[in-house]
């Protein structure tokens, strides 16, 4: 029986983007379905003891940069560690991802291309043209998705629902991949462990 993975993420996370392509490959080769659920990690951090980047100690910020350099090489992705528009207002982009998921489109591919816009191309997700181009790279039409889908109020409500759902599931960081059993894999550096679990009969 196919496994459904709840994917709690945010476009403003370099770790989400670093693991996005590999996660898609892992899901595909293991016959897993992905539920893309963008979350607000500010409130999640507040309730789980996390700190937003500017409030972290110099030591933790320095180590984050070391890890980004390492994983950029491992994943082979030319990301910028401090892109021109980070953090950026990703509300419109997030709404489009949720709209795509609601319509049964490839929301994961869309989120990957939006992440590429921010982390590789150094474009702002607050620009409708950037969002439209990312959607096109994902084989989708942004205007059509919004015209045929829910309005901002409903999409924003779902964003909040996913945030509360993530908290209830025990999620505290992005990206997090949650199996039906409730097992959480936090961070793109756990993707190999996620695939290991998917290959075990108990994961189904």
C-alpha atoms as a PDB file:
ATOM      1  CA  UNK A   1       0.000   0.000   0.000  1.00  0.00           C
ATOM      2  CA  UNK A   2       1.447   3.420  -0.958  1.00  0.00           C
ATOM      3  CA  UNK A   3       2.744   5.606   1.846  1.00  0.00           C
ATOM      4  CA  UNK A   4       1.679   9.228   2.170  1.00  0.00           C
ATOM      5  CA  UNK A   5       4.313  11.602   3.545  1.00  0.00           C
ATOM      6  CA  UNK A   6       3.259  14.872   5.128  1.00  0.00           C
ATOM      7  CA  UNK A   7       5.842  17.440   4.077  1.00  0.00           C
ATOM      8  CA  UNK A   8       5.973  20.417   6.439  1.00  0.00           C
ATOM      9  CA  UNK A   9       8.081  23.141   4.859  1.00  0.00           C
ATOM     10  CA  UNK A  10       8.606  26.823   4.186  1.00  0.00           C
ATOM     11  CA  UNK A  11       9.976  28.495   1.084  1.00  0.00           C
ATOM     12  CA  UNK A  12      12.155  30.763   3.256  1.00  0.00           C
ATOM     13  CA  UNK A  13      14.273  27.802   4.400  1.00  0.00           C
ATOM     14  CA  UNK A  14      17.488  26.939   2.519  1.00  0.00           C
ATOM     15  CA  UNK A  15      17.317  23.461   4.041  1.00  0.00           C
ATOM     16  CA  UNK A  16      13.880  22.921   2.517  1.00  0.00           C
ATOM     17  CA  UNK A  17      15.257  23.819  -0.894  1.00  0.00           C
ATOM     18  CA  UNK A  18      18.479  21.817  -0.528  1.00  0.00           C
ATOM     19  CA  UNK A  19      16.475  18.650   0.052  1.00  0.00           C
ATOM     20  CA  UNK A  20      13.547  19.314  -2.251  1.00  0.00           C
ATOM     21  CA  UNK A  21      14.772  17.613  -5.436  1.00  0.00           C
ATOM     22  CA  UNK A  22      16.168  14.561  -3.635  1.00  0.00           C
ATOM     23  CA  UNK A  23      12.987  14.231  -1.589  1.00  0.00           C
ATOM     24  CA  UNK A  24      10.980  14.166  -4.799  1.00  0.00           C
ATOM     25  CA  UNK A  25      13.223  11.432  -6.201  1.00  0.00           C
ATOM     26  CA  UNK A  26      12.958   9.363  -3.028  1.00  0.00           C
ATOM     27  CA  UNK A  27       9.182   9.644  -2.962  1.00  0.00           C
ATOM     28  CA  UNK A  28       8.916   8.680  -6.637  1.00  0.00           C
ATOM     29  CA  UNK A  29      11.153   5.628  -6.499  1.00  0.00           C
ATOM     30  CA  UNK A  30       9.395   4.345  -3.387  1.00  0.00           C
ATOM     31  CA  UNK A  31       5.880   4.960  -4.696  1.00  0.00           C
ATOM     32  CA  UNK A  32       5.100   7.465  -1.951  1.00  0.00           C
ATOM     33  CA  UNK A  33       2.582  10.289  -2.178  1.00  0.00           C
ATOM     34  CA  UNK A  34       3.639  13.717  -0.916  1.00  0.00           C
ATOM     35  CA  UNK A  35       1.273  16.085   0.892  1.00  0.00           C
ATOM     36  CA  UNK A  36       2.914  19.513   0.695  1.00  0.00           C
ATOM     37  CA  UNK A  37       1.926  21.510   3.782  1.00  0.00           C
ATOM     38  CA  UNK A  38       3.550  24.947   4.053  1.00  0.00           C
ATOM     39  CA  UNK A  39       3.762  26.165   7.648  1.00  0.00           C
ATOM     40  CA  UNK A  40       4.510  29.314   9.623  1.00  0.00           C
ATOM     41  CA  UNK A  41       7.685  28.448  11.467  1.00  0.00           C
ATOM     42  CA  UNK A  42       7.781  31.649  13.511  1.00  0.00           C
ATOM     43  CA  UNK A  43       4.899  30.430  15.699  1.00  0.00           C
ATOM     44  CA  UNK A  44       6.273  26.889  15.622  1.00  0.00           C
ATOM     45  CA  UNK A  45       9.636  28.112  16.960  1.00  0.00           C
ATOM     46  CA  UNK A  46       7.866  30.088  19.682  1.00  0.00           C
ATOM     47  CA  UNK A  47       6.035  27.012  20.921  1.00  0.00           C
ATOM     48  CA  UNK A  48       8.877  24.508  20.571  1.00  0.00           C
ATOM     49  CA  UNK A  49      11.897  26.408  21.872  1.00  0.00           C
ATOM     50  CA  UNK A  50      13.416  27.378  18.531  1.00  0.00           C
ATOM     51  CA  UNK A  51      14.870  30.768  17.666  1.00  0.00           C
ATOM     52  CA  UNK A  52      14.622  32.742  14.427  1.00  0.00           C
ATOM     53  CA  UNK A  53      17.974  33.211  12.719  1.00  0.00           C
ATOM     54  CA  UNK A  54      18.681  36.801  13.912  1.00  0.00           C
ATOM     55  CA  UNK A  55      18.229  35.746  17.539  1.00  0.00           C
ATOM     56  CA  UNK A  56      20.597  32.780  17.431  1.00  0.00           C
ATOM     57  CA  UNK A  57      24.035  32.983  18.984  1.00  0.00           C
ATOM     58  CA  UNK A  58      27.025  33.927  16.803  1.00  0.00           C
ATOM     59  CA  UNK A  59      28.329  30.378  17.227  1.00  0.00           C
ATOM     60  CA  UNK A  60      25.119  28.846  15.885  1.00  0.00           C
ATOM     61  CA  UNK A  61      24.949  31.286  12.977  1.00  0.00           C
ATOM     62  CA  UNK A  62      28.572  30.535  12.075  1.00  0.00           C
ATOM     63  CA  UNK A  63      27.958  26.790  12.189  1.00  0.00           C
ATOM     64  CA  UNK A  64      24.866  27.212  10.000  1.00  0.00           C
ATOM     65  CA  UNK A  65      27.067  28.786   7.328  1.00  0.00           C
ATOM     66  CA  UNK A  66      29.558  25.908   7.563  1.00  0.00           C
ATOM     67  CA  UNK A  67      26.747  23.402   7.102  1.00  0.00           C
ATOM     68  CA  UNK A  68      25.286  25.301   4.155  1.00  0.00           C
ATOM     69  CA  UNK A  69      28.676  25.195   2.430  1.00  0.00           C
ATOM     70  CA  UNK A  70      29.006  21.456   3.082  1.00  0.00           C
ATOM     71  CA  UNK A  71      25.523  20.589   1.896  1.00  0.00           C
ATOM     72  CA  UNK A  72      25.734  22.838  -1.135  1.00  0.00           C
ATOM     73  CA  UNK A  73      28.624  20.648  -2.285  1.00  0.00           C
ATOM     74  CA  UNK A  74      26.972  17.367  -1.288  1.00  0.00           C
ATOM     75  CA  UNK A  75      23.672  18.168  -3.027  1.00  0.00           C
ATOM     76  CA  UNK A  76      25.366  19.896  -5.961  1.00  0.00           C
ATOM     77  CA  UNK A  77      23.119  22.947  -5.844  1.00  0.00           C
ATOM     78  CA  UNK A  78      24.552  26.442  -6.487  1.00  0.00           C
ATOM     79  CA  UNK A  79      22.611  28.155  -3.717  1.00  0.00           C
ATOM     80  CA  UNK A  80      23.455  31.561  -2.313  1.00  0.00           C
ATOM     81  CA  UNK A  81      23.961  31.466   1.448  1.00  0.00           C
ATOM     82  CA  UNK A  82      22.597  34.985   1.880  1.00  0.00           C
ATOM     83  CA  UNK A  83      20.461  35.669  -1.189  1.00  0.00           C
ATOM     84  CA  UNK A  84      19.514  39.240  -2.001  1.00  0.00           C
ATOM     85  CA  UNK A  85      15.883  38.818  -0.901  1.00  0.00           C
ATOM     86  CA  UNK A  86      16.172  36.646   2.203  1.00  0.00           C
ATOM     87  CA  UNK A  87      14.010  36.569   4.158  1.00  0.00           C
ATOM     88  CA  UNK A  88      11.306  37.680   1.777  1.00  0.00           C
ATOM     89  CA  UNK A  89       7.548  37.977   1.844  1.00  0.00           C
ATOM     90  CA  UNK A  90       6.512  34.555   0.549  1.00  0.00           C
ATOM     91  CA  UNK A  91       2.778  34.859   1.250  1.00  0.00           C
ATOM     92  CA  UNK A  92       1.687  34.944  -2.393  1.00  0.00           C
ATOM     93  CA  UNK A  93       4.032  32.104  -3.350  1.00  0.00           C
ATOM     94  CA  UNK A  94       2.849  30.009  -0.425  1.00  0.00           C
ATOM     95  CA  UNK A  95      -0.774  30.580  -1.381  1.00  0.00           C
ATOM     96  CA  UNK A  96       0.005  29.321  -4.876  1.00  0.00           C
ATOM     97  CA  UNK A  97       1.606  26.154  -3.504  1.00  0.00           C
ATOM     98  CA  UNK A  98      -1.462  25.474  -1.365  1.00  0.00           C
ATOM     99  CA  UNK A  99      -3.764  26.228  -4.298  1.00  0.00           C
ATOM    100  CA  UNK A 100      -1.833  23.782  -6.482  1.00  0.00           C
ATOM    101  CA  UNK A 101      -2.090  21.072  -3.831  1.00  0.00           C
ATOM    102  CA  UNK A 102      -5.841  21.648  -3.468  1.00  0.00           C
ATOM    103  CA  UNK A 103      -6.281  21.215  -7.226  1.00  0.00           C
ATOM    104  CA  UNK A 104      -4.258  18.028  -7.386  1.00  0.00           C
ATOM    105  CA  UNK A 105      -1.353  19.635  -9.229  1.00  0.00           C
ATOM    106  CA  UNK A 106       2.331  18.977  -8.567  1.00  0.00           C
ATOM    107  CA  UNK A 107       2.702  21.297  -5.578  1.00  0.00           C
ATOM    108  CA  UNK A 108       6.054  19.787  -4.684  1.00  0.00           C
ATOM    109  CA  UNK A 109       7.568  20.613  -8.076  1.00  0.00           C
ATOM    110  CA  UNK A 110       6.122  24.103  -7.784  1.00  0.00           C
ATOM    111  CA  UNK A 111       7.650  24.582  -4.331  1.00  0.00           C
ATOM    112  CA  UNK A 112      11.002  23.415  -5.695  1.00  0.00           C
ATOM    113  CA  UNK A 113      10.932  25.984  -8.500  1.00  0.00           C
ATOM    114  CA  UNK A 114       9.886  28.754  -6.111  1.00  0.00           C
ATOM    115  CA  UNK A 115      12.777  27.737  -3.881  1.00  0.00           C
ATOM    116  CA  UNK A 116      15.111  27.855  -6.869  1.00  0.00           C
ATOM    117  CA  UNK A 117      13.949  31.408  -7.568  1.00  0.00           C
ATOM    118  CA  UNK A 118      14.880  32.532  -4.065  1.00  0.00           C
ATOM    119  CA  UNK A 119      17.986  30.464  -3.307  1.00  0.00           C
ATOM    120  CA  UNK A 120      19.657  30.120  -6.719  1.00  0.00           C
ATOM    121  CA  UNK A 121      18.333  32.929  -8.894  1.00  0.00           C
ATOM    122  CA  UNK A 122      18.180  35.519  -6.080  1.00  0.00           C
ATOM    123  CA  UNK A 123      14.688  36.619  -7.016  1.00  0.00           C
ATOM    124  CA  UNK A 124      12.046  37.840  -4.608  1.00  0.00           C
ATOM    125  CA  UNK A 125       8.956  35.737  -4.054  1.00  0.00           C
ATOM    126  CA  UNK A 126       7.044  38.966  -3.458  1.00  0.00           C
ATOM    127  CA  UNK A 127       7.170  39.634  -7.218  1.00  0.00           C
ATOM    128  CA  UNK A 128       4.223  38.184  -9.184  1.00  0.00           C
ATOM    129  CA  UNK A 129       6.441  37.863 -12.262  1.00  0.00           C
ATOM    130  CA  UNK A 130       8.928  35.708 -10.341  1.00  0.00           C
ATOM    131  CA  UNK A 131       6.109  33.500  -9.079  1.00  0.00           C
ATOM    132  CA  UNK A 132       4.608  33.163 -12.555  1.00  0.00           C
ATOM    133  CA  UNK A 133       7.956  32.203 -14.075  1.00  0.00           C
ATOM    134  CA  UNK A 134       8.634  29.615 -11.358  1.00  0.00           C
ATOM    135  CA  UNK A 135       5.185  28.135 -11.949  1.00  0.00           C
ATOM    136  CA  UNK A 136       5.895  27.953 -15.674  1.00  0.00           C
ATOM    137  CA  UNK A 137       9.131  26.048 -15.008  1.00  0.00           C
ATOM    138  CA  UNK A 138       7.024  23.619 -12.981  1.00  0.00           C
ATOM    139  CA  UNK A 139       4.624  23.192 -15.897  1.00  0.00           C
ATOM    140  CA  UNK A 140       1.853  25.223 -14.273  1.00  0.00           C
ATOM    141  CA  UNK A 141       0.026  28.472 -14.965  1.00  0.00           C
ATOM    142  CA  UNK A 142      -0.027  30.683 -11.852  1.00  0.00           C
ATOM    143  CA  UNK A 143      -2.915  32.864 -13.030  1.00  0.00           C
ATOM    144  CA  UNK A 144      -5.003  29.827 -13.895  1.00  0.00           C
ATOM    145  CA  UNK A 145      -4.298  28.179 -10.538  1.00  0.00           C
ATOM    146  CA  UNK A 146      -5.463  31.257  -8.663  1.00  0.00           C
ATOM    147  CA  UNK A 147      -8.457  31.905 -10.918  1.00  0.00           C
ATOM    148  CA  UNK A 148      -9.763  28.354 -10.553  1.00  0.00           C
ATOM    149  CA  UNK A 149      -8.893  27.906  -6.885  1.00  0.00           C
ATOM    150  CA  UNK A 150      -9.716  29.227  -3.443  1.00  0.00           C
ATOM    151  CA  UNK A 151      -9.344  32.851  -2.429  1.00  0.00           C
ATOM    152  CA  UNK A 152      -6.695  34.348  -0.175  1.00  0.00           C
ATOM    153  CA  UNK A 153      -8.796  33.976   2.974  1.00  0.00           C
ATOM    154  CA  UNK A 154      -9.269  30.229   2.531  1.00  0.00           C
ATOM    155  CA  UNK A 155      -5.652  29.683   1.496  1.00  0.00           C
ATOM    156  CA  UNK A 156      -4.363  31.645   4.492  1.00  0.00           C
ATOM    157  CA  UNK A 157      -6.651  29.643   6.768  1.00  0.00           C
ATOM    158  CA  UNK A 158      -5.162  26.425   5.396  1.00  0.00           C
ATOM    159  CA  UNK A 159      -1.661  27.812   6.002  1.00  0.00           C
ATOM    160  CA  UNK A 160      -2.634  28.283   9.642  1.00  0.00           C
ATOM    161  CA  UNK A 161      -4.256  24.844   9.767  1.00  0.00           C
ATOM    162  CA  UNK A 162      -1.066  23.217   8.483  1.00  0.00           C
ATOM    163  CA  UNK A 163       0.910  25.105  11.121  1.00  0.00           C
ATOM    164  CA  UNK A 164      -1.292  23.819  13.921  1.00  0.00           C
ATOM    165  CA  UNK A 165      -1.263  20.329  12.411  1.00  0.00           C
ATOM    166  CA  UNK A 166       2.538  20.393  12.339  1.00  0.00           C
ATOM    167  CA  UNK A 167       2.661  21.371  16.006  1.00  0.00           C
ATOM    168  CA  UNK A 168       0.234  18.583  16.891  1.00  0.00           C
ATOM    169  CA  UNK A 169       2.449  16.117  14.993  1.00  0.00           C
ATOM    170  CA  UNK A 170       5.522  17.169  16.980  1.00  0.00           C
ATOM    171  CA  UNK A 171       7.202  19.163  14.217  1.00  0.00           C
ATOM    172  CA  UNK A 172       9.622  21.874  15.337  1.00  0.00           C
ATOM    173  CA  UNK A 173      11.757  22.670  12.274  1.00  0.00           C
ATOM    174  CA  UNK A 174      11.775  22.793   8.490  1.00  0.00           C
ATOM    175  CA  UNK A 175      11.739  20.710   6.482  1.00  0.00           C
ATOM    176  CA  UNK A 176      10.043  17.865   8.320  1.00  0.00           C
ATOM    177  CA  UNK A 177       8.817  14.677   6.687  1.00  0.00           C
ATOM    178  CA  UNK A 178       6.201  12.766   8.697  1.00  0.00           C
ATOM    179  CA  UNK A 179       5.144   9.196   7.989  1.00  0.00           C
ATOM    180  CA  UNK A 180       1.655   7.798   8.729  1.00  0.00           C
ATOM    181  CA  UNK A 181       3.131   6.100  11.798  1.00  0.00           C
ATOM    182  CA  UNK A 182       3.945   9.533  13.205  1.00  0.00           C
ATOM    183  CA  UNK A 183       7.683   9.081  12.748  1.00  0.00           C
ATOM    184  CA  UNK A 184       9.337  12.438  11.997  1.00  0.00           C
ATOM    185  CA  UNK A 185      12.436  13.036   9.926  1.00  0.00           C
ATOM    186  CA  UNK A 186      13.632  16.590  10.546  1.00  0.00           C
ATOM    187  CA  UNK A 187      16.011  18.208   8.099  1.00  0.00           C
ATOM    188  CA  UNK A 188      17.120  17.440   4.569  1.00  0.00           C
ATOM    189  CA  UNK A 189      20.137  15.645   6.041  1.00  0.00           C
ATOM    190  CA  UNK A 190      17.734  12.906   7.216  1.00  0.00           C
ATOM    191  CA  UNK A 191      16.504  12.066   3.740  1.00  0.00           C
ATOM    192  CA  UNK A 192      18.608   8.920   3.492  1.00  0.00           C
ATOM    193  CA  UNK A 193      17.060   7.758   6.757  1.00  0.00           C
ATOM    194  CA  UNK A 194      13.610   8.554   5.413  1.00  0.00           C
ATOM    195  CA  UNK A 195      14.250   6.365   2.384  1.00  0.00           C
ATOM    196  CA  UNK A 196      15.524   3.596   4.624  1.00  0.00           C
ATOM    197  CA  UNK A 197      12.234   3.745   6.550  1.00  0.00           C
ATOM    198  CA  UNK A 198      10.188   3.723   3.347  1.00  0.00           C
ATOM    199  CA  UNK A 199      11.881   0.494   2.292  1.00  0.00           C
ATOM    200  CA  UNK A 200      10.936  -1.234   5.526  1.00  0.00           C
ATOM    201  CA  UNK A 201       7.559  -3.049   5.571  1.00  0.00           C
ATOM    202  CA  UNK A 202       6.647  -1.388   8.885  1.00  0.00           C
ATOM    203  CA  UNK A 203       6.682   2.050   7.222  1.00  0.00           C
ATOM    204  CA  UNK A 204       3.652   1.113   5.170  1.00  0.00           C
END
